[in-house]
Amino acid sequence: MSKTPMDRLALIIVIIGALNWLLMGLFQYDLVAAIFGGSASFISRTVYTIVGLSGLYSISLLFRESAPVRD
């Protein structure tokens, strides 16, 4: 399956979000909140929203048909 630029961008954003969750789980440190002034700030909420939307978009990657392999 060839990935579109949108697929790649969504996966990159999801990976960044997953790394933030890893930091939260291991060290109780929210990198997004630390960078953008707290978890309730508008910018932090925007980043969280973008990560969530990227996750929803990435669900579609699970259900796409792969192109047949040609010999």
Protein backbone atom coordinates (compact mmCIF):
# COMPACT_ATOMS: atom_id res chain seq x y z
CA MET A 1 0.00 0.00 0.00
CA SER A 2 1.44 3.34 -0.95
CA LYS A 3 0.95 6.00 1.67
CA THR A 4 -0.21 9.48 0.77
CA PRO A 5 1.44 12.55 2.32
CA MET A 6 -1.67 12.89 4.52
CA ASP A 7 -1.18 9.30 5.77
CA ARG A 8 2.43 10.00 6.64
CA LEU A 9 1.61 13.28 8.40
CA ALA A 10 -1.14 11.64 10.44
CA LEU A 11 1.18 8.82 11.49
CA ILE A 12 3.93 11.25 12.49
CA ILE A 13 1.48 13.24 14.63
CA VAL A 14 0.13 10.05 16.22
CA ILE A 15 3.67 8.93 17.06
CA ILE A 16 4.42 12.30 18.67
CA GLY A 17 1.22 11.97 20.70
CA ALA A 18 2.16 8.44 21.73
CA LEU A 19 5.57 9.64 22.91
CA ASN A 20 3.85 12.32 25.00
CA TRP A 21 1.66 9.62 26.56
CA LEU A 22 4.78 7.55 27.26
CA LEU A 23 6.27 10.50 29.14
CA MET A 24 3.01 10.90 31.04
CA GLY A 25 2.91 7.23 31.98
CA LEU A 26 6.52 6.88 33.03
CA PHE A 27 7.35 10.29 34.49
CA GLN A 28 4.01 12.12 34.90
CA TYR A 29 5.43 14.80 32.58
CA ASP A 30 3.22 16.36 29.92
CA LEU A 31 5.61 17.75 27.30
CA VAL A 32 2.86 19.52 25.35
CA ALA A 33 1.64 21.31 28.47
CA ALA A 34 5.20 22.20 29.44
CA ILE A 35 5.94 23.71 26.03
CA PHE A 36 2.64 25.55 25.52
CA GLY A 37 1.85 26.85 29.00
CA GLY A 38 -0.30 24.25 30.71
CA SER A 39 -2.80 21.65 29.62
CA ALA A 40 -5.71 24.12 29.72
CA SER A 41 -4.11 26.68 27.38
CA PHE A 42 -5.68 27.17 23.96
CA ILE A 43 -2.54 26.06 22.11
CA SER A 44 -2.19 22.86 24.18
CA ARG A 45 -5.84 22.01 23.61
CA THR A 46 -5.35 22.62 19.89
CA VAL A 47 -2.35 20.27 19.84
CA TYR A 48 -4.33 17.60 21.72
CA THR A 49 -7.19 18.01 19.24
CA ILE A 50 -4.87 17.65 16.24
CA VAL A 51 -3.34 14.50 17.75
CA GLY A 52 -6.80 13.06 18.37
CA LEU A 53 -8.00 13.84 14.85
CA SER A 54 -4.82 12.27 13.46
CA GLY A 55 -5.57 9.15 15.49
CA LEU A 56 -9.08 8.98 14.08
CA TYR A 57 -7.76 9.44 10.55
CA SER A 58 -5.17 6.71 11.15
CA ILE A 59 -7.93 4.23 11.90
CA SER A 60 -8.71 4.31 8.18
CA LEU A 61 -5.25 2.89 7.49
CA LEU A 62 -6.32 -0.36 9.13
CA PHE A 63 -9.13 -0.93 6.66
CA ARG A 64 -7.50 0.01 3.38
CA GLU A 65 -6.88 -2.64 0.80
CA SER A 66 -3.26 -3.13 -0.13
CA ALA A 67 -2.29 -3.08 -3.78
CA PRO A 68 -1.67 -6.56 -5.21
CA VAL A 69 1.97 -7.53 -5.62
CA ARG A 70 2.96 -7.99 -9.23
CA ASP A 71 5.63 -10.48 -10.20
